[in-house]
Amino acid sequence: MKTRKKMTKGHLNRKELIEASKKAVGNRAKHLAECAECRKALEFLLKFPVAGQLPLADAPTGWINKAVALAEKKKVVDGLSRVLAHLIFDSWTMPEPVGVRGEGAIEHRRLRYRAAEITIDIRAEQARDEWHMVAQAAGEYKSRPVLVIGKNVYYSDENGLFQWADKKPPRHILLKSNEGVIEFPELSWKKTRKN
């Protein structure tokens, strides 16, 4: 008789997530109700039901040869471009209106970048213990882009908005899609006061 592995006190492991995506959640329901990270992972597995299945056991030789030939072609790598975005607006560089008092302008920042035919807007708001960030990339894409900040990858919602929060605002940002990579110049978060 097989003994079933107990769920760890932390997050669900890969096997448990795959099992939950294929059938009733069972004893994992309480953890999923409390853990946003595991809910997102389960939602991903439900949207892509092939996750967790065994790879094609006997792929036709022609398919294998074609895949190898594609991987060896330089055109695949050369076709992906890497572009540097340039800053076209920064609210922190604008003079504060006459009569405005307080630190409100320091706690909020709006940035706009341009790269190729893409415009990227970022809004940052400083809360008590963290920064709340919203970004949107406008332009023509063949595939939905992702934001890469450090080791984290962020996916946009159905409206094309990226949202995240962190203790520190981002310094290095990449916007990646099948068409290529847009690299942002390093961001500084020190506000210089203007008299």
C-alpha atoms as a PDB file:
ATOM      1  CA  MET A   1       0.000   0.000   0.000  1.00  0.00           C
ATOM      2  CA  LYS A   2       1.386   3.381  -1.014  1.00  0.00           C
ATOM      3  CA  THR A   3       1.544   6.109   1.579  1.00  0.00           C
ATOM      4  CA  ARG A   4       0.648   9.536   0.351  1.00  0.00           C
ATOM      5  CA  LYS A   5       3.184  12.306   0.853  1.00  0.00           C
ATOM      6  CA  LYS A   6       1.976  14.958   3.237  1.00  0.00           C
ATOM      7  CA  MET A   7       1.740  18.505   1.938  1.00  0.00           C
ATOM      8  CA  THR A   8       4.594  20.639   3.187  1.00  0.00           C
ATOM      9  CA  LYS A   9       3.749  23.470   5.554  1.00  0.00           C
ATOM     10  CA  GLY A  10       5.001  25.877   2.886  1.00  0.00           C
ATOM     11  CA  HIS A  11       3.766  26.110  -0.670  1.00  0.00           C
ATOM     12  CA  LEU A  12       2.386  23.259  -2.722  1.00  0.00           C
ATOM     13  CA  ASN A  13       5.083  21.418  -4.610  1.00  0.00           C
ATOM     14  CA  ARG A  14       4.957  20.864  -8.378  1.00  0.00           C
ATOM     15  CA  LYS A  15       3.376  17.410  -8.121  1.00  0.00           C
ATOM     16  CA  GLU A  16       0.658  18.640  -5.740  1.00  0.00           C
ATOM     17  CA  LEU A  17      -0.159  21.583  -8.034  1.00  0.00           C
ATOM     18  CA  ILE A  18      -0.440  19.284 -11.069  1.00  0.00           C
ATOM     19  CA  GLU A  19      -2.699  16.908  -9.118  1.00  0.00           C
ATOM     20  CA  ALA A  20      -4.877  19.839  -8.006  1.00  0.00           C
ATOM     21  CA  SER A  21      -5.187  21.057 -11.612  1.00  0.00           C
ATOM     22  CA  LYS A  22      -6.370  17.646 -12.835  1.00  0.00           C
ATOM     23  CA  LYS A  23      -8.962  16.872 -10.163  1.00  0.00           C
ATOM     24  CA  ALA A  24     -10.648  18.213  -7.057  1.00  0.00           C
ATOM     25  CA  VAL A  25      -8.489  20.306  -4.805  1.00  0.00           C
ATOM     26  CA  GLY A  26      -9.335  18.238  -1.696  1.00  0.00           C
ATOM     27  CA  ASN A  27      -7.210  18.866   1.386  1.00  0.00           C
ATOM     28  CA  ARG A  28      -5.267  21.586  -0.458  1.00  0.00           C
ATOM     29  CA  ALA A  29      -8.274  23.956  -0.522  1.00  0.00           C
ATOM     30  CA  LYS A  30      -7.370  25.693   2.749  1.00  0.00           C
ATOM     31  CA  HIS A  31      -3.790  26.400   1.640  1.00  0.00           C
ATOM     32  CA  LEU A  32      -4.972  27.637  -1.775  1.00  0.00           C
ATOM     33  CA  ALA A  33      -7.505  29.936  -0.126  1.00  0.00           C
ATOM     34  CA  GLU A  34      -4.725  31.532   1.948  1.00  0.00           C
ATOM     35  CA  CYS A  35      -1.821  31.519  -0.536  1.00  0.00           C
ATOM     36  CA  ALA A  36      -1.974  33.861  -3.539  1.00  0.00           C
ATOM     37  CA  GLU A  37       1.269  32.436  -4.976  1.00  0.00           C
ATOM     38  CA  CYS A  38      -0.050  28.859  -5.121  1.00  0.00           C
ATOM     39  CA  ARG A  39      -3.408  30.080  -6.512  1.00  0.00           C
ATOM     40  CA  LYS A  40      -1.568  31.817  -9.372  1.00  0.00           C
ATOM     41  CA  ALA A  41       0.472  28.684 -10.093  1.00  0.00           C
ATOM     42  CA  LEU A  42      -2.708  26.563 -10.091  1.00  0.00           C
ATOM     43  CA  GLU A  43      -4.466  29.072 -12.375  1.00  0.00           C
ATOM     44  CA  PHE A  44      -1.533  28.785 -14.818  1.00  0.00           C
ATOM     45  CA  LEU A  45      -1.785  24.991 -14.827  1.00  0.00           C
ATOM     46  CA  LEU A  46      -5.549  25.181 -15.421  1.00  0.00           C
ATOM     47  CA  LYS A  47      -5.082  27.554 -18.388  1.00  0.00           C
ATOM     48  CA  PHE A  48      -2.417  25.292 -19.902  1.00  0.00           C
ATOM     49  CA  PRO A  49      -3.672  21.750 -19.246  1.00  0.00           C
ATOM     50  CA  VAL A  50      -0.728  20.078 -20.982  1.00  0.00           C
ATOM     51  CA  ALA A  51       1.517  21.033 -18.049  1.00  0.00           C
ATOM     52  CA  GLY A  52       2.704  17.986 -16.175  1.00  0.00           C
ATOM     53  CA  GLN A  53       2.113  15.553 -19.046  1.00  0.00           C
ATOM     54  CA  LEU A  54       4.909  13.363 -20.284  1.00  0.00           C
ATOM     55  CA  PRO A  55       6.759  14.609 -23.372  1.00  0.00           C
ATOM     56  CA  LEU A  56       5.958  13.003 -26.715  1.00  0.00           C
ATOM     57  CA  ALA A  57       7.524   9.551 -26.418  1.00  0.00           C
ATOM     58  CA  ASP A  58       8.180   8.762 -30.069  1.00  0.00           C
ATOM     59  CA  ALA A  59       8.347  11.981 -32.026  1.00  0.00           C
ATOM     60  CA  PRO A  60       8.700  11.487 -35.776  1.00  0.00           C
ATOM     61  CA  THR A  61      12.296  11.773 -36.986  1.00  0.00           C
ATOM     62  CA  GLY A  62      11.338  14.596 -39.352  1.00  0.00           C
ATOM     63  CA  TRP A  63      10.078  16.709 -36.433  1.00  0.00           C
ATOM     64  CA  ILE A  64      13.258  16.111 -34.448  1.00  0.00           C
ATOM     65  CA  ASN A  65      15.492  17.008 -37.435  1.00  0.00           C
ATOM     66  CA  LYS A  66      13.466  20.174 -38.083  1.00  0.00           C
ATOM     67  CA  ALA A  67      13.738  21.253 -34.419  1.00  0.00           C
ATOM     68  CA  VAL A  68      17.507  20.679 -34.431  1.00  0.00           C
ATOM     69  CA  ALA A  69      17.877  22.623 -37.707  1.00  0.00           C
ATOM     70  CA  LEU A  70      15.874  25.556 -36.300  1.00  0.00           C
ATOM     71  CA  ALA A  71      17.995  25.658 -33.156  1.00  0.00           C
ATOM     72  CA  GLU A  72      21.198  25.686 -35.209  1.00  0.00           C
ATOM     73  CA  LYS A  73      20.111  28.541 -37.496  1.00  0.00           C
ATOM     74  CA  LYS A  74      21.622  31.866 -36.581  1.00  0.00           C
ATOM     75  CA  LYS A  75      18.604  33.719 -37.990  1.00  0.00           C
ATOM     76  CA  VAL A  76      16.498  32.711 -34.990  1.00  0.00           C
ATOM     77  CA  VAL A  77      18.938  34.408 -32.612  1.00  0.00           C
ATOM     78  CA  ASP A  78      19.673  37.313 -34.929  1.00  0.00           C
ATOM     79  CA  GLY A  79      15.969  37.983 -35.458  1.00  0.00           C
ATOM     80  CA  LEU A  80      15.506  38.911 -31.819  1.00  0.00           C
ATOM     81  CA  SER A  81      16.433  42.512 -31.213  1.00  0.00           C
ATOM     82  CA  ARG A  82      17.601  44.241 -28.069  1.00  0.00           C
ATOM     83  CA  VAL A  83      16.745  47.937 -27.913  1.00  0.00           C
ATOM     84  CA  LEU A  84      17.467  50.561 -25.302  1.00  0.00           C
ATOM     85  CA  ALA A  85      14.437  52.611 -24.245  1.00  0.00           C
ATOM     86  CA  HIS A  86      14.886  56.347 -23.843  1.00  0.00           C
ATOM     87  CA  LEU A  87      13.162  58.480 -21.235  1.00  0.00           C
ATOM     88  CA  ILE A  88      10.751  61.046 -22.671  1.00  0.00           C
ATOM     89  CA  PHE A  89       8.996  62.156 -19.448  1.00  0.00           C
ATOM     90  CA  ASP A  90       9.820  62.081 -15.731  1.00  0.00           C
ATOM     91  CA  SER A  91       7.485  63.818 -13.306  1.00  0.00           C
ATOM     92  CA  TRP A  92      10.310  64.253 -10.788  1.00  0.00           C
ATOM     93  CA  THR A  93      12.168  66.560 -13.183  1.00  0.00           C
ATOM     94  CA  MET A  94       9.186  68.905 -13.539  1.00  0.00           C
ATOM     95  CA  PRO A  95       9.078  72.022 -11.324  1.00  0.00           C
ATOM     96  CA  GLU A  96       6.459  71.849  -8.590  1.00  0.00           C
ATOM     97  CA  PRO A  97       3.498  74.191  -9.100  1.00  0.00           C
ATOM     98  CA  VAL A  98       3.499  77.386  -7.059  1.00  0.00           C
ATOM     99  CA  GLY A  99       1.741  76.926  -3.727  1.00  0.00           C
ATOM    100  CA  VAL A 100       2.110  73.133  -3.543  1.00  0.00           C
ATOM    101  CA  ARG A 101       3.294  72.039  -0.128  1.00  0.00           C
ATOM    102  CA  GLY A 102       4.213  68.714   1.354  1.00  0.00           C
ATOM    103  CA  GLU A 103       5.999  65.637   0.084  1.00  0.00           C
ATOM    104  CA  GLY A 104       3.260  64.406  -2.300  1.00  0.00           C
ATOM    105  CA  ALA A 105       5.372  64.912  -5.396  1.00  0.00           C
ATOM    106  CA  ILE A 106       8.189  62.840  -3.906  1.00  0.00           C
ATOM    107  CA  GLU A 107       5.898  59.919  -3.041  1.00  0.00           C
ATOM    108  CA  HIS A 108       4.523  59.597  -6.597  1.00  0.00           C
ATOM    109  CA  ARG A 109       6.409  59.351  -9.860  1.00  0.00           C
ATOM    110  CA  ARG A 110       5.378  58.985 -13.482  1.00  0.00           C
ATOM    111  CA  LEU A 111       7.795  57.875 -16.171  1.00  0.00           C
ATOM    112  CA  ARG A 112       7.341  57.479 -19.920  1.00  0.00           C
ATOM    113  CA  TYR A 113       9.800  55.652 -22.167  1.00  0.00           C
ATOM    114  CA  ARG A 114       9.939  55.092 -25.900  1.00  0.00           C
ATOM    115  CA  ALA A 115      11.661  52.284 -27.801  1.00  0.00           C
ATOM    116  CA  ALA A 116      11.049  51.522 -31.479  1.00  0.00           C
ATOM    117  CA  GLU A 117       7.253  51.774 -31.868  1.00  0.00           C
ATOM    118  CA  ILE A 118       6.509  51.003 -28.206  1.00  0.00           C
ATOM    119  CA  THR A 119       5.626  53.504 -25.460  1.00  0.00           C
ATOM    120  CA  ILE A 120       5.977  52.352 -21.853  1.00  0.00           C
ATOM    121  CA  ASP A 121       4.284  54.264 -19.022  1.00  0.00           C
ATOM    122  CA  ILE A 122       5.189  53.601 -15.389  1.00  0.00           C
ATOM    123  CA  ARG A 123       3.475  54.988 -12.291  1.00  0.00           C
ATOM    124  CA  ALA A 124       5.137  54.532  -8.914  1.00  0.00           C
ATOM    125  CA  GLU A 125       3.519  55.341  -5.574  1.00  0.00           C
ATOM    126  CA  GLN A 126       5.371  55.097  -2.306  1.00  0.00           C
ATOM    127  CA  ALA A 127       3.290  53.646   0.528  1.00  0.00           C
ATOM    128  CA  ARG A 128       4.368  53.225   4.125  1.00  0.00           C
ATOM    129  CA  ASP A 129       6.476  50.053   3.702  1.00  0.00           C
ATOM    130  CA  GLU A 130       6.590  49.499  -0.055  1.00  0.00           C
ATOM    131  CA  TRP A 131       6.269  50.919  -3.532  1.00  0.00           C
ATOM    132  CA  HIS A 132       3.174  50.178  -5.626  1.00  0.00           C
ATOM    133  CA  MET A 133       3.938  50.033  -9.328  1.00  0.00           C
ATOM    134  CA  VAL A 134       1.739  50.027 -12.434  1.00  0.00           C
ATOM    135  CA  ALA A 135       3.142  49.855 -15.970  1.00  0.00           C
ATOM    136  CA  GLN A 136       1.652  49.650 -19.449  1.00  0.00           C
ATOM    137  CA  ALA A 137       3.324  48.996 -22.791  1.00  0.00           C
ATOM    138  CA  ALA A 138       1.406  50.443 -25.741  1.00  0.00           C
ATOM    139  CA  GLY A 139       2.159  49.451 -29.321  1.00  0.00           C
ATOM    140  CA  GLU A 140       1.872  46.550 -31.719  1.00  0.00           C
ATOM    141  CA  TYR A 141       2.957  43.158 -30.370  1.00  0.00           C
ATOM    142  CA  LYS A 142       2.628  39.731 -31.943  1.00  0.00           C
ATOM    143  CA  SER A 143       2.862  38.184 -28.481  1.00  0.00           C
ATOM    144  CA  ARG A 144       2.070  39.606 -25.058  1.00  0.00           C
ATOM    145  CA  PRO A 145       5.231  41.032 -23.434  1.00  0.00           C
ATOM    146  CA  VAL A 146       6.439  40.343 -19.894  1.00  0.00           C
ATOM    147  CA  LEU A 147       8.295  42.640 -17.497  1.00  0.00           C
ATOM    148  CA  VAL A 148      11.479  41.293 -15.941  1.00  0.00           C
ATOM    149  CA  ILE A 149      12.677  43.037 -12.785  1.00  0.00           C
ATOM    150  CA  GLY A 150      15.580  41.311 -11.082  1.00  0.00           C
ATOM    151  CA  LYS A 151      14.608  37.646 -10.744  1.00  0.00           C
ATOM    152  CA  ASN A 152      10.871  38.406 -10.950  1.00  0.00           C
ATOM    153  CA  VAL A 153       8.766  38.098 -14.106  1.00  0.00           C
ATOM    154  CA  TYR A 154       5.460  39.985 -14.281  1.00  0.00           C
ATOM    155  CA  TYR A 155       2.625  39.236 -16.691  1.00  0.00           C
ATOM    156  CA  SER A 156       0.070  41.804 -17.766  1.00  0.00           C
ATOM    157  CA  ASP A 157      -3.625  41.487 -17.041  1.00  0.00           C
ATOM    158  CA  GLU A 158      -6.283  41.396 -19.760  1.00  0.00           C
ATOM    159  CA  ASN A 159      -6.060  45.210 -20.078  1.00  0.00           C
ATOM    160  CA  GLY A 160      -2.302  45.133 -20.684  1.00  0.00           C
ATOM    161  CA  LEU A 161      -1.402  46.490 -17.230  1.00  0.00           C
ATOM    162  CA  PHE A 162       1.472  45.170 -15.138  1.00  0.00           C
ATOM    163  CA  GLN A 163       1.057  45.620 -11.376  1.00  0.00           C
ATOM    164  CA  TRP A 164       3.421  44.761  -8.562  1.00  0.00           C
ATOM    165  CA  ALA A 165       4.646  45.966  -5.190  1.00  0.00           C
ATOM    166  CA  ASP A 166       8.077  45.790  -3.617  1.00  0.00           C
ATOM    167  CA  LYS A 167       9.977  47.282  -0.713  1.00  0.00           C
ATOM    168  CA  LYS A 168      12.276  49.076  -3.151  1.00  0.00           C
ATOM    169  CA  PRO A 169      11.461  50.602  -6.532  1.00  0.00           C
ATOM    170  CA  PRO A 170      13.045  48.903  -9.563  1.00  0.00           C
ATOM    171  CA  ARG A 171      16.465  49.940 -10.832  1.00  0.00           C
ATOM    172  CA  HIS A 172      16.744  47.579 -13.815  1.00  0.00           C
ATOM    173  CA  ILE A 173      13.763  46.711 -16.023  1.00  0.00           C
ATOM    174  CA  LEU A 174      13.467  44.590 -19.171  1.00  0.00           C
ATOM    175  CA  LEU A 175      10.365  44.260 -21.346  1.00  0.00           C
ATOM    176  CA  LYS A 176      10.534  40.946 -23.235  1.00  0.00           C
ATOM    177  CA  SER A 177       8.410  39.540 -26.036  1.00  0.00           C
ATOM    178  CA  ASN A 178       8.914  37.183 -28.972  1.00  0.00           C
ATOM    179  CA  GLU A 179       9.959  40.187 -31.063  1.00  0.00           C
ATOM    180  CA  GLY A 180      12.852  41.107 -28.774  1.00  0.00           C
ATOM    181  CA  VAL A 181      13.928  42.834 -25.572  1.00  0.00           C
ATOM    182  CA  ILE A 182      13.554  46.451 -24.520  1.00  0.00           C
ATOM    183  CA  GLU A 183      16.109  47.402 -21.904  1.00  0.00           C
ATOM    184  CA  PHE A 184      15.523  50.421 -19.678  1.00  0.00           C
ATOM    185  CA  PRO A 185      18.389  52.640 -18.534  1.00  0.00           C
ATOM    186  CA  GLU A 186      19.178  52.229 -14.839  1.00  0.00           C
ATOM    187  CA  LEU A 187      16.569  54.087 -12.785  1.00  0.00           C
ATOM    188  CA  SER A 188      17.601  56.421  -9.980  1.00  0.00           C
ATOM    189  CA  TRP A 189      15.113  57.013  -7.170  1.00  0.00           C
ATOM    190  CA  LYS A 190      16.789  60.010  -5.524  1.00  0.00           C
ATOM    191  CA  LYS A 191      14.725  63.158  -5.863  1.00  0.00           C
ATOM    192  CA  THR A 192      16.655  66.406  -6.133  1.00  0.00           C
ATOM    193  CA  ARG A 193      14.884  69.389  -4.628  1.00  0.00           C
ATOM    194  CA  LYS A 194      14.392  72.483  -6.732  1.00  0.00           C
ATOM    195  CA  ASN A 195      14.164  75.916  -5.185  1.00  0.00           C
END
